[in-house]
Protein backbone atom coordinates (compact mmCIF):
# COMPACT_ATOMS: atom_id res chain seq x y z
CA UNK A 1 0.00 0.00 0.00
CA UNK A 2 1.25 3.47 -0.87
CA UNK A 3 1.65 6.19 1.72
CA UNK A 4 0.41 9.79 1.60
CA UNK A 5 3.66 11.15 0.23
CA UNK A 6 3.36 8.84 -2.74
CA UNK A 7 -0.20 9.93 -3.45
CA UNK A 8 0.67 13.60 -3.00
CA UNK A 9 3.30 13.28 -5.67
CA UNK A 10 0.81 11.98 -8.26
CA UNK A 11 -0.99 14.23 -10.73
CA UNK A 12 -4.70 14.88 -10.41
CA UNK A 13 -5.78 12.64 -13.27
CA UNK A 14 -3.91 9.69 -11.72
CA UNK A 15 -5.54 10.31 -8.32
CA UNK A 16 -8.99 10.51 -9.90
CA UNK A 17 -8.49 7.33 -11.90
CA UNK A 18 -7.07 5.34 -8.99
CA UNK A 19 -9.77 6.53 -6.58
CA UNK A 20 -12.60 5.71 -8.97
CA UNK A 21 -11.26 2.21 -9.56
CA UNK A 22 -10.19 1.46 -5.99
CA UNK A 23 -13.28 -0.48 -4.93
CA UNK A 24 -13.58 1.71 -1.82
CA UNK A 25 -16.87 3.61 -1.79
CA UNK A 26 -15.45 6.71 -0.08
CA UNK A 27 -12.49 6.84 -2.48
CA UNK A 28 -14.84 6.42 -5.45
CA UNK A 29 -17.07 9.30 -4.33
CA UNK A 30 -14.07 11.50 -3.55
CA UNK A 31 -12.60 10.66 -6.96
CA UNK A 32 -15.85 11.64 -8.66
CA UNK A 33 -15.99 14.93 -6.79
CA UNK A 34 -12.36 15.63 -7.50
CA UNK A 35 -12.97 14.95 -11.17
CA UNK A 36 -15.91 17.41 -11.17
CA UNK A 37 -13.75 20.05 -9.49
CA UNK A 38 -10.92 19.41 -11.91
CA UNK A 39 -13.25 19.87 -14.90
CA UNK A 40 -14.66 23.08 -13.39
CA UNK A 41 -11.17 24.43 -12.70
CA UNK A 42 -10.03 23.69 -16.26
CA UNK A 43 -13.12 25.40 -17.69
CA UNK A 44 -12.59 28.43 -15.47
CA UNK A 45 -8.92 28.56 -16.44
CA UNK A 46 -9.89 28.52 -20.12
CA UNK A 47 -12.33 31.38 -19.51
CA UNK A 48 -9.67 33.45 -17.74
CA UNK A 49 -7.17 32.74 -20.50
CA UNK A 50 -9.71 33.97 -23.06
CA UNK A 51 -10.32 37.09 -20.99
CA UNK A 52 -6.56 37.69 -20.82
CA UNK A 53 -6.29 37.34 -24.60
CA UNK A 54 -9.21 39.75 -25.08
CA UNK A 55 -7.57 42.26 -22.73
CA UNK A 56 -4.30 41.96 -24.64
CA UNK A 57 -6.16 42.75 -27.87
CA UNK A 58 -7.79 45.77 -26.19
CA UNK A 59 -4.40 46.90 -24.90
CA UNK A 60 -2.86 46.63 -28.37
CA UNK A 61 -5.73 48.65 -29.83
CA UNK A 62 -5.24 51.33 -27.19
CA UNK A 63 -1.50 51.41 -27.92
CA UNK A 64 -2.31 51.93 -31.60
CA UNK A 65 -4.71 54.78 -30.73
CA UNK A 66 -2.09 56.42 -28.49
CA UNK A 67 0.42 56.25 -31.35
CA UNK A 68 -2.10 57.86 -33.72
CA UNK A 69 -2.93 60.60 -31.24
CA UNK A 70 0.75 61.35 -30.61
CA UNK A 71 1.33 61.66 -34.35
CA UNK A 72 -1.67 64.01 -34.59
CA UNK A 73 -0.35 66.10 -31.68
CA UNK A 74 3.03 66.41 -33.38
CA UNK A 75 1.33 67.55 -36.58
CA UNK A 76 -0.76 70.10 -34.69
CA UNK A 77 2.32 71.39 -32.86
CA UNK A 78 4.05 71.91 -36.21
CA UNK A 79 0.98 73.75 -37.53
CA UNK A 80 0.92 75.97 -34.42
CA UNK A 81 4.64 76.70 -34.78
CA UNK A 82 4.09 77.65 -38.43
CA UNK A 83 1.12 79.84 -37.48
CA UNK A 84 3.20 81.59 -34.81
CA UNK A 85 6.01 82.13 -37.32
CA UNK A 86 3.57 83.65 -39.81
CA UNK A 87 2.10 85.92 -37.14
CA UNK A 88 5.58 87.17 -36.25
CA UNK A 89 6.39 87.67 -39.90
CA UNK A 90 3.18 89.69 -40.44
CA UNK A 91 3.90 91.81 -37.36
CA UNK A 92 7.24 92.75 -38.84
CA UNK A 93 5.83 93.83 -42.19
PDB file of N, CA and C in Angstrom:
ATOM      1  N   UNK A   1       0.843  -1.186   0.000  1.00  0.00           N
ATOM      2  CA  UNK A   1       0.000   0.000   0.000  1.00  0.00           C
ATOM      3  C   UNK A   1       0.885   1.245   0.000  1.00  0.00           C
ATOM      4  N   UNK A   2       0.471   2.237  -0.753  1.00  0.00           N
ATOM      5  CA  UNK A   2       1.252   3.469  -0.873  1.00  0.00           C
ATOM      6  C   UNK A   2       0.905   4.440   0.253  1.00  0.00           C
ATOM      7  N   UNK A   3       1.899   5.220   0.660  1.00  0.00           N
ATOM      8  CA  UNK A   3       1.646   6.190   1.723  1.00  0.00           C
ATOM      9  C   UNK A   3       1.217   7.544   1.148  1.00  0.00           C
ATOM     10  N   UNK A   4       0.903   8.475   2.020  1.00  0.00           N
ATOM     11  CA  UNK A   4       0.413   9.791   1.595  1.00  0.00           C
ATOM     12  C   UNK A   4       1.403  10.532   0.710  1.00  0.00           C
ATOM     13  N   UNK A   5       2.657  10.448   1.032  1.00  0.00           N
ATOM     14  CA  UNK A   5       3.662  11.153   0.226  1.00  0.00           C
ATOM     15  C   UNK A   5       3.648  10.668  -1.220  1.00  0.00           C
ATOM     16  N   UNK A   6       3.460   9.378  -1.388  1.00  0.00           N
ATOM     17  CA  UNK A   6       3.363   8.841  -2.744  1.00  0.00           C
ATOM     18  C   UNK A   6       2.165   9.452  -3.469  1.00  0.00           C
ATOM     19  N   UNK A   7       1.016   9.412  -2.807  1.00  0.00           N
ATOM     20  CA  UNK A   7      -0.205   9.929  -3.446  1.00  0.00           C
ATOM     21  C   UNK A   7      -0.119  11.435  -3.697  1.00  0.00           C
ATOM     22  N   UNK A   8       0.518  12.154  -2.804  1.00  0.00           N
ATOM     23  CA  UNK A   8       0.666  13.604  -2.995  1.00  0.00           C
ATOM     24  C   UNK A   8       1.526  13.926  -4.215  1.00  0.00           C
ATOM     25  N   UNK A   9       2.404  13.026  -4.546  1.00  0.00           N
ATOM     26  CA  UNK A   9       3.302  13.283  -5.673  1.00  0.00           C
ATOM     27  C   UNK A   9       2.656  12.976  -7.024  1.00  0.00           C
ATOM     28  N   UNK A  10       1.481  12.360  -7.015  1.00  0.00           N
ATOM     29  CA  UNK A  10       0.814  11.981  -8.260  1.00  0.00           C
ATOM     30  C   UNK A  10       0.001  13.146  -8.818  1.00  0.00           C
ATOM     31  N   UNK A  11      -0.180  13.171 -10.124  1.00  0.00           N
ATOM     32  CA  UNK A  11      -0.986  14.234 -10.726  1.00  0.00           C
ATOM     33  C   UNK A  11      -2.471  13.943 -10.510  1.00  0.00           C
ATOM     34  N   UNK A  12      -3.272  14.952 -10.708  1.00  0.00           N
ATOM     35  CA  UNK A  12      -4.701  14.875 -10.409  1.00  0.00           C
ATOM     36  C   UNK A  12      -5.403  13.776 -11.190  1.00  0.00           C
ATOM     37  N   UNK A  13      -5.095  13.658 -12.464  1.00  0.00           N
ATOM     38  CA  UNK A  13      -5.782  12.640 -13.269  1.00  0.00           C
ATOM     39  C   UNK A  13      -5.481  11.227 -12.749  1.00  0.00           C
ATOM     40  N   UNK A  14      -4.266  11.007 -12.289  1.00  0.00           N
ATOM     41  CA  UNK A  14      -3.910   9.695 -11.717  1.00  0.00           C
ATOM     42  C   UNK A  14      -4.693   9.455 -10.436  1.00  0.00           C
ATOM     43  N   UNK A  15      -4.792  10.457  -9.568  1.00  0.00           N
ATOM     44  CA  UNK A  15      -5.545  10.305  -8.323  1.00  0.00           C
ATOM     45  C   UNK A  15      -7.013   9.997  -8.603  1.00  0.00           C
ATOM     46  N   UNK A  16      -7.581  10.717  -9.548  1.00  0.00           N
ATOM     47  CA  UNK A  16      -8.988  10.506  -9.899  1.00  0.00           C
ATOM     48  C   UNK A  16      -9.194   9.078 -10.394  1.00  0.00           C
ATOM     49  N   UNK A  17      -8.352   8.661 -11.307  1.00  0.00           N
ATOM     50  CA  UNK A  17      -8.492   7.331 -11.896  1.00  0.00           C
ATOM     51  C   UNK A  17      -8.326   6.244 -10.847  1.00  0.00           C
ATOM     52  N   UNK A  18      -7.299   6.368 -10.014  1.00  0.00           N
ATOM     53  CA  UNK A  18      -7.068   5.341  -8.989  1.00  0.00           C
ATOM     54  C   UNK A  18      -8.185   5.314  -7.956  1.00  0.00           C
ATOM     55  N   UNK A  19      -8.684   6.481  -7.576  1.00  0.00           N
ATOM     56  CA  UNK A  19      -9.771   6.531  -6.584  1.00  0.00           C
ATOM     57  C   UNK A  19     -11.042   5.906  -7.146  1.00  0.00           C
ATOM     58  N   UNK A  20     -11.357   6.220  -8.381  1.00  0.00           N
ATOM     59  CA  UNK A  20     -12.600   5.712  -8.973  1.00  0.00           C
ATOM     60  C   UNK A  20     -12.555   4.202  -9.207  1.00  0.00           C
ATOM     61  N   UNK A  21     -11.378   3.651  -9.310  1.00  0.00           N
ATOM     62  CA  UNK A  21     -11.257   2.211  -9.565  1.00  0.00           C
ATOM     63  C   UNK A  21     -10.711   1.449  -8.349  1.00  0.00           C
ATOM     64  N   UNK A  22     -10.784   2.068  -7.189  1.00  0.00           N
ATOM     65  CA  UNK A  22     -10.194   1.457  -5.993  1.00  0.00           C
ATOM     66  C   UNK A  22     -11.081   0.402  -5.346  1.00  0.00           C
ATOM     67  N   UNK A  23     -12.377   0.455  -5.586  1.00  0.00           N
ATOM     68  CA  UNK A  23     -13.283  -0.482  -4.927  1.00  0.00           C
ATOM     69  C   UNK A  23     -13.735   0.017  -3.565  1.00  0.00           C
ATOM     70  N   UNK A  24     -13.183   1.117  -3.098  1.00  0.00           N
ATOM     71  CA  UNK A  24     -13.582   1.706  -1.817  1.00  0.00           C
ATOM     72  C   UNK A  24     -14.601   2.805  -2.098  1.00  0.00           C
ATOM     73  N   UNK A  25     -15.775   2.680  -1.497  1.00  0.00           N
ATOM     74  CA  UNK A  25     -16.873   3.613  -1.788  1.00  0.00           C
ATOM     75  C   UNK A  25     -16.492   5.066  -1.526  1.00  0.00           C
ATOM     76  N   UNK A  26     -15.842   5.338  -0.392  1.00  0.00           N
ATOM     77  CA  UNK A  26     -15.447   6.706  -0.084  1.00  0.00           C
ATOM     78  C   UNK A  26     -14.460   7.227  -1.125  1.00  0.00           C
ATOM     79  N   UNK A  27     -13.482   6.422  -1.482  1.00  0.00           N
ATOM     80  CA  UNK A  27     -12.495   6.842  -2.478  1.00  0.00           C
ATOM     81  C   UNK A  27     -13.160   7.087  -3.826  1.00  0.00           C
ATOM     82  N   UNK A  28     -14.137   6.246  -4.176  1.00  0.00           N
ATOM     83  CA  UNK A  28     -14.837   6.418  -5.455  1.00  0.00           C
ATOM     84  C   UNK A  28     -15.580   7.747  -5.479  1.00  0.00           C
ATOM     85  N   UNK A  29     -16.313   8.038  -4.399  1.00  0.00           N
ATOM     86  CA  UNK A  29     -17.071   9.296  -4.326  1.00  0.00           C
ATOM     87  C   UNK A  29     -16.121  10.488  -4.330  1.00  0.00           C
ATOM     88  N   UNK A  30     -15.047  10.406  -3.566  1.00  0.00           N
ATOM     89  CA  UNK A  30     -14.075  11.504  -3.553  1.00  0.00           C
ATOM     90  C   UNK A  30     -13.429  11.678  -4.928  1.00  0.00           C
ATOM     91  N   UNK A  31     -13.154  10.586  -5.603  1.00  0.00           N
ATOM     92  CA  UNK A  31     -12.602  10.663  -6.955  1.00  0.00           C
ATOM     93  C   UNK A  31     -13.558  11.346  -7.914  1.00  0.00           C
ATOM     94  N   UNK A  32     -14.855  11.003  -7.801  1.00  0.00           N
ATOM     95  CA  UNK A  32     -15.855  11.637  -8.665  1.00  0.00           C
ATOM     96  C   UNK A  32     -15.938  13.144  -8.398  1.00  0.00           C
ATOM     97  N   UNK A  33     -15.934  13.502  -7.121  1.00  0.00           N
ATOM     98  CA  UNK A  33     -15.995  14.934  -6.786  1.00  0.00           C
ATOM     99  C   UNK A  33     -14.739  15.655  -7.241  1.00  0.00           C
ATOM    100  N   UNK A  34     -13.611  15.023  -7.060  1.00  0.00           N
ATOM    101  CA  UNK A  34     -12.357  15.631  -7.503  1.00  0.00           C
ATOM    102  C   UNK A  34     -12.358  15.814  -9.008  1.00  0.00           C
ATOM    103  N   UNK A  35     -12.890  14.842  -9.712  1.00  0.00           N
ATOM    104  CA  UNK A  35     -12.970  14.951 -11.171  1.00  0.00           C
ATOM    105  C   UNK A  35     -13.862  16.132 -11.567  1.00  0.00           C
ATOM    106  N   UNK A  36     -15.010  16.281 -10.892  1.00  0.00           N
ATOM    107  CA  UNK A  36     -15.908  17.412 -11.173  1.00  0.00           C
ATOM    108  C   UNK A  36     -15.196  18.742 -10.925  1.00  0.00           C
ATOM    109  N   UNK A  37     -14.482  18.818  -9.807  1.00  0.00           N
ATOM    110  CA  UNK A  37     -13.752  20.046  -9.488  1.00  0.00           C
ATOM    111  C   UNK A  37     -12.645  20.318 -10.497  1.00  0.00           C
ATOM    112  N   UNK A  38     -11.981  19.256 -10.935  1.00  0.00           N
ATOM    113  CA  UNK A  38     -10.915  19.406 -11.915  1.00  0.00           C
ATOM    114  C   UNK A  38     -11.475  19.938 -13.238  1.00  0.00           C
ATOM    115  N   UNK A  39     -12.620  19.401 -13.670  1.00  0.00           N
ATOM    116  CA  UNK A  39     -13.251  19.871 -14.903  1.00  0.00           C
ATOM    117  C   UNK A  39     -13.651  21.344 -14.763  1.00  0.00           C
ATOM    118  N   UNK A  40     -14.260  21.687 -13.621  1.00  0.00           N
ATOM    119  CA  UNK A  40     -14.660  23.079 -13.394  1.00  0.00           C
ATOM    120  C   UNK A  40     -13.446  24.004 -13.411  1.00  0.00           C
ATOM    121  N   UNK A  41     -12.373  23.595 -12.760  1.00  0.00           N
ATOM    122  CA  UNK A  41     -11.166  24.427 -12.705  1.00  0.00           C
ATOM    123  C   UNK A  41     -10.573  24.632 -14.098  1.00  0.00           C
ATOM    124  N   UNK A  42     -10.561  23.579 -14.890  1.00  0.00           N
ATOM    125  CA  UNK A  42     -10.030  23.693 -16.257  1.00  0.00           C
ATOM    126  C   UNK A  42     -10.899  24.616 -17.115  1.00  0.00           C
ATOM    127  N   UNK A  43     -12.212  24.516 -16.944  1.00  0.00           N
ATOM    128  CA  UNK A  43     -13.116  25.397 -17.694  1.00  0.00           C
ATOM    129  C   UNK A  43     -12.924  26.848 -17.271  1.00  0.00           C
ATOM    130  N   UNK A  44     -12.800  27.067 -15.963  1.00  0.00           N
ATOM    131  CA  UNK A  44     -12.593  28.427 -15.469  1.00  0.00           C
ATOM    132  C   UNK A  44     -11.250  28.984 -15.945  1.00  0.00           C
ATOM    133  N   UNK A  45     -10.231  28.138 -15.936  1.00  0.00           N
ATOM    134  CA  UNK A  45      -8.923  28.562 -16.436  1.00  0.00           C
ATOM    135  C   UNK A  45      -9.014  28.968 -17.901  1.00  0.00           C
ATOM    136  N   UNK A  46      -9.730  28.195 -18.704  1.00  0.00           N
ATOM    137  CA  UNK A  46      -9.891  28.522 -20.122  1.00  0.00           C
ATOM    138  C   UNK A  46     -10.611  29.861 -20.290  1.00  0.00           C
ATOM    139  N   UNK A  47     -11.619  30.106 -19.452  1.00  0.00           N
ATOM    140  CA  UNK A  47     -12.333  31.384 -19.515  1.00  0.00           C
ATOM    141  C   UNK A  47     -11.404  32.542 -19.174  1.00  0.00           C
ATOM    142  N   UNK A  48     -10.599  32.386 -18.133  1.00  0.00           N
ATOM    143  CA  UNK A  48      -9.674  33.455 -17.740  1.00  0.00           C
ATOM    144  C   UNK A  48      -8.598  33.672 -18.801  1.00  0.00           C
ATOM    145  N   UNK A  49      -8.160  32.590 -19.425  1.00  0.00           N
ATOM    146  CA  UNK A  49      -7.173  32.739 -20.496  1.00  0.00           C
ATOM    147  C   UNK A  49      -7.768  33.508 -21.667  1.00  0.00           C
ATOM    148  N   UNK A  50      -9.033  33.237 -21.984  1.00  0.00           N
ATOM    149  CA  UNK A  50      -9.705  33.968 -23.057  1.00  0.00           C
ATOM    150  C   UNK A  50      -9.851  35.437 -22.693  1.00  0.00           C
ATOM    151  N   UNK A  51     -10.198  35.708 -21.444  1.00  0.00           N
ATOM    152  CA  UNK A  51     -10.316  37.095 -20.988  1.00  0.00           C
ATOM    153  C   UNK A  51      -8.968  37.810 -21.093  1.00  0.00           C
ATOM    154  N   UNK A  52      -7.901  37.104 -20.732  1.00  0.00           N
ATOM    155  CA  UNK A  52      -6.562  37.695 -20.821  1.00  0.00           C
ATOM    156  C   UNK A  52      -6.200  38.002 -22.274  1.00  0.00           C
ATOM    157  N   UNK A  53      -6.543  37.096 -23.183  1.00  0.00           N
ATOM    158  CA  UNK A  53      -6.287  37.337 -24.605  1.00  0.00           C
ATOM    159  C   UNK A  53      -7.096  38.535 -25.102  1.00  0.00           C
ATOM    160  N   UNK A  54      -8.362  38.619 -24.685  1.00  0.00           N
ATOM    161  CA  UNK A  54      -9.211  39.750 -25.080  1.00  0.00           C
ATOM    162  C   UNK A  54      -8.643  41.067 -24.555  1.00  0.00           C
ATOM    163  N   UNK A  55      -8.162  41.046 -23.306  1.00  0.00           N
ATOM    164  CA  UNK A  55      -7.571  42.255 -22.726  1.00  0.00           C
ATOM    165  C   UNK A  55      -6.291  42.651 -23.453  1.00  0.00           C
ATOM    166  N   UNK A  56      -5.525  41.665 -23.881  1.00  0.00           N
ATOM    167  CA  UNK A  56      -4.302  41.965 -24.636  1.00  0.00           C
ATOM    168  C   UNK A  56      -4.652  42.626 -25.964  1.00  0.00           C
ATOM    169  N   UNK A  57      -5.703  42.139 -26.614  1.00  0.00           N
ATOM    170  CA  UNK A  57      -6.159  42.751 -27.872  1.00  0.00           C
ATOM    171  C   UNK A  57      -6.589  44.191 -27.615  1.00  0.00           C
ATOM    172  N   UNK A  58      -7.356  44.414 -26.537  1.00  0.00           N
ATOM    173  CA  UNK A  58      -7.786  45.768 -26.186  1.00  0.00           C
ATOM    174  C   UNK A  58      -6.585  46.672 -25.920  1.00  0.00           C
ATOM    175  N   UNK A  59      -5.607  46.133 -25.218  1.00  0.00           N
ATOM    176  CA  UNK A  59      -4.397  46.901 -24.899  1.00  0.00           C
ATOM    177  C   UNK A  59      -3.647  47.277 -26.171  1.00  0.00           C
ATOM    178  N   UNK A  60      -3.536  46.347 -27.087  1.00  0.00           N
ATOM    179  CA  UNK A  60      -2.862  46.625 -28.365  1.00  0.00           C
ATOM    180  C   UNK A  60      -3.606  47.697 -29.156  1.00  0.00           C
ATOM    181  N   UNK A  61      -4.935  47.643 -29.138  1.00  0.00           N
ATOM    182  CA  UNK A  61      -5.731  48.654 -29.835  1.00  0.00           C
ATOM    183  C   UNK A  61      -5.540  50.026 -29.200  1.00  0.00           C
ATOM    184  N   UNK A  62      -5.476  50.061 -27.876  1.00  0.00           N
ATOM    185  CA  UNK A  62      -5.236  51.332 -27.187  1.00  0.00           C
ATOM    186  C   UNK A  62      -3.840  51.873 -27.496  1.00  0.00           C
ATOM    187  N   UNK A  63      -2.856  50.992 -27.549  1.00  0.00           N
ATOM    188  CA  UNK A  63      -1.496  51.414 -27.919  1.00  0.00           C
ATOM    189  C   UNK A  63      -1.491  52.032 -29.319  1.00  0.00           C
ATOM    190  N   UNK A  64      -2.218  51.399 -30.241  1.00  0.00           N
ATOM    191  CA  UNK A  64      -2.312  51.934 -31.600  1.00  0.00           C
ATOM    192  C   UNK A  64      -2.952  53.320 -31.595  1.00  0.00           C
ATOM    193  N   UNK A  65      -4.015  53.486 -30.807  1.00  0.00           N
ATOM    194  CA  UNK A  65      -4.705  54.777 -30.733  1.00  0.00           C
ATOM    195  C   UNK A  65      -3.794  55.844 -30.126  1.00  0.00           C
ATOM    196  N   UNK A  66      -3.040  55.477 -29.097  1.00  0.00           N
ATOM    197  CA  UNK A  66      -2.092  56.416 -28.485  1.00  0.00           C
ATOM    198  C   UNK A  66      -1.053  56.862 -29.514  1.00  0.00           C
ATOM    199  N   UNK A  67      -0.556  55.929 -30.311  1.00  0.00           N
ATOM    200  CA  UNK A  67       0.416  56.251 -31.346  1.00  0.00           C
ATOM    201  C   UNK A  67      -0.179  57.236 -32.351  1.00  0.00           C
ATOM    202  N   UNK A  68      -1.427  56.964 -32.776  1.00  0.00           N
ATOM    203  CA  UNK A  68      -2.102  57.855 -33.723  1.00  0.00           C
ATOM    204  C   UNK A  68      -2.290  59.251 -33.137  1.00  0.00           C
ATOM    205  N   UNK A  69      -2.697  59.307 -31.877  1.00  0.00           N
ATOM    206  CA  UNK A  69      -2.930  60.602 -31.242  1.00  0.00           C
ATOM    207  C   UNK A  69      -1.623  61.381 -31.057  1.00  0.00           C
ATOM    208  N   UNK A  70      -0.551  60.679 -30.730  1.00  0.00           N
ATOM    209  CA  UNK A  70       0.749  61.351 -30.608  1.00  0.00           C
ATOM    210  C   UNK A  70       1.191  61.927 -31.949  1.00  0.00           C
ATOM    211  N   UNK A  71       0.973  61.171 -33.011  1.00  0.00           N
ATOM    212  CA  UNK A  71       1.328  61.664 -34.348  1.00  0.00           C
ATOM    213  C   UNK A  71       0.479  62.891 -34.683  1.00  0.00           C
ATOM    214  N   UNK A  72      -0.793  62.862 -34.329  1.00  0.00           N
ATOM    215  CA  UNK A  72      -1.666  64.005 -34.589  1.00  0.00           C
ATOM    216  C   UNK A  72      -1.236  65.223 -33.767  1.00  0.00           C
ATOM    217  N   UNK A  73      -0.839  65.003 -32.525  1.00  0.00           N
ATOM    218  CA  UNK A  73      -0.354  66.099 -31.682  1.00  0.00           C
ATOM    219  C   UNK A  73       0.895  66.722 -32.289  1.00  0.00           C
ATOM    220  N   UNK A  74       1.814  65.886 -32.754  1.00  0.00           N
ATOM    221  CA  UNK A  74       3.033  66.413 -33.381  1.00  0.00           C
ATOM    222  C   UNK A  74       2.686  67.261 -34.595  1.00  0.00           C
ATOM    223  N   UNK A  75       1.745  66.791 -35.402  1.00  0.00           N
ATOM    224  CA  UNK A  75       1.332  67.551 -36.584  1.00  0.00           C
ATOM    225  C   UNK A  75       0.707  68.888 -36.169  1.00  0.00           C
ATOM    226  N   UNK A  76      -0.130  68.863 -35.161  1.00  0.00           N
ATOM    227  CA  UNK A  76      -0.763  70.102 -34.690  1.00  0.00           C
ATOM    228  C   UNK A  76       0.268  71.058 -34.104  1.00  0.00           C
ATOM    229  N   UNK A  77       1.260  70.531 -33.405  1.00  0.00           N
ATOM    230  CA  UNK A  77       2.318  71.386 -32.861  1.00  0.00           C
ATOM    231  C   UNK A  77       3.104  72.061 -33.983  1.00  0.00           C
ATOM    232  N   UNK A  78       3.360  71.312 -35.061  1.00  0.00           N
ATOM    233  CA  UNK A  78       4.045  71.905 -36.214  1.00  0.00           C
ATOM    234  C   UNK A  78       3.187  73.001 -36.848  1.00  0.00           C
ATOM    235  N   UNK A  79       1.881  72.752 -36.943  1.00  0.00           N
ATOM    236  CA  UNK A  79       0.979  73.751 -37.525  1.00  0.00           C
ATOM    237  C   UNK A  79       0.940  75.009 -36.660  1.00  0.00           C
ATOM    238  N   UNK A  80       0.929  74.826 -35.326  1.00  0.00           N
ATOM    239  CA  UNK A  80       0.919  75.971 -34.416  1.00  0.00           C
ATOM    240  C   UNK A  80       2.218  76.750 -34.535  1.00  0.00           C
ATOM    241  N   UNK A  81       3.340  76.035 -34.629  1.00  0.00           N
ATOM    242  CA  UNK A  81       4.635  76.704 -34.776  1.00  0.00           C
ATOM    243  C   UNK A  81       4.666  77.505 -36.075  1.00  0.00           C
ATOM    244  N   UNK A  82       4.139  76.936 -37.146  1.00  0.00           N
ATOM    245  CA  UNK A  82       4.087  77.649 -38.427  1.00  0.00           C
ATOM    246  C   UNK A  82       3.182  78.872 -38.329  1.00  0.00           C
ATOM    247  N   UNK A  83       2.030  78.709 -37.666  1.00  0.00           N
ATOM    248  CA  UNK A  83       1.121  79.837 -37.476  1.00  0.00           C
ATOM    249  C   UNK A  83       1.812  80.961 -36.701  1.00  0.00           C
ATOM    250  N   UNK A  84       2.496  80.591 -35.623  1.00  0.00           N
ATOM    251  CA  UNK A  84       3.203  81.588 -34.815  1.00  0.00           C
ATOM    252  C   UNK A  84       4.288  82.285 -35.625  1.00  0.00           C
ATOM    253  N   UNK A  85       4.972  81.527 -36.472  1.00  0.00           N
ATOM    254  CA  UNK A  85       6.006  82.131 -37.319  1.00  0.00           C
ATOM    255  C   UNK A  85       5.387  83.122 -38.295  1.00  0.00           C
ATOM    256  N   UNK A  86       4.241  82.743 -38.889  1.00  0.00           N
ATOM    257  CA  UNK A  86       3.573  83.645 -39.813  1.00  0.00           C
ATOM    258  C   UNK A  86       3.073  84.911 -39.115  1.00  0.00           C
ATOM    259  N   UNK A  87       2.573  84.746 -37.906  1.00  0.00           N
ATOM    260  CA  UNK A  87       2.102  85.918 -37.141  1.00  0.00           C
ATOM    261  C   UNK A  87       3.268  86.878 -36.885  1.00  0.00           C
ATOM    262  N   UNK A  88       4.389  86.335 -36.483  1.00  0.00           N
ATOM    263  CA  UNK A  88       5.579  87.172 -36.249  1.00  0.00           C
ATOM    264  C   UNK A  88       6.029  87.853 -37.532  1.00  0.00           C
ATOM    265  N   UNK A  89       5.980  87.101 -38.612  1.00  0.00           N
ATOM    266  CA  UNK A  89       6.385  87.666 -39.898  1.00  0.00           C
ATOM    267  C   UNK A  89       5.445  88.817 -40.293  1.00  0.00           C
ATOM    268  N   UNK A  90       4.162  88.645 -40.084  1.00  0.00           N
ATOM    269  CA  UNK A  90       3.183  89.691 -40.445  1.00  0.00           C
ATOM    270  C   UNK A  90       3.321  90.899 -39.519  1.00  0.00           C
ATOM    271  N   UNK A  91       3.710  90.690 -38.277  1.00  0.00           N
ATOM    272  CA  UNK A  91       3.902  91.805 -37.356  1.00  0.00           C
ATOM    273  C   UNK A  91       5.078  92.675 -37.816  1.00  0.00           C
ATOM    274  N   UNK A  92       6.047  92.037 -38.427  1.00  0.00           N
ATOM    275  CA  UNK A  92       7.237  92.752 -38.844  1.00  0.00           C
ATOM    276  C   UNK A  92       7.105  93.408 -40.226  1.00  0.00           C
ATOM    277  N   UNK A  93       5.988  93.236 -40.864  1.00  0.00           N
ATOM    278  CA  UNK A  93       5.829  93.826 -42.191  1.00  0.00           C
ATOM    279  C   UNK A  93       5.400  95.257 -42.093  1.00  0.00           C
TER     280      UNK A  93
END
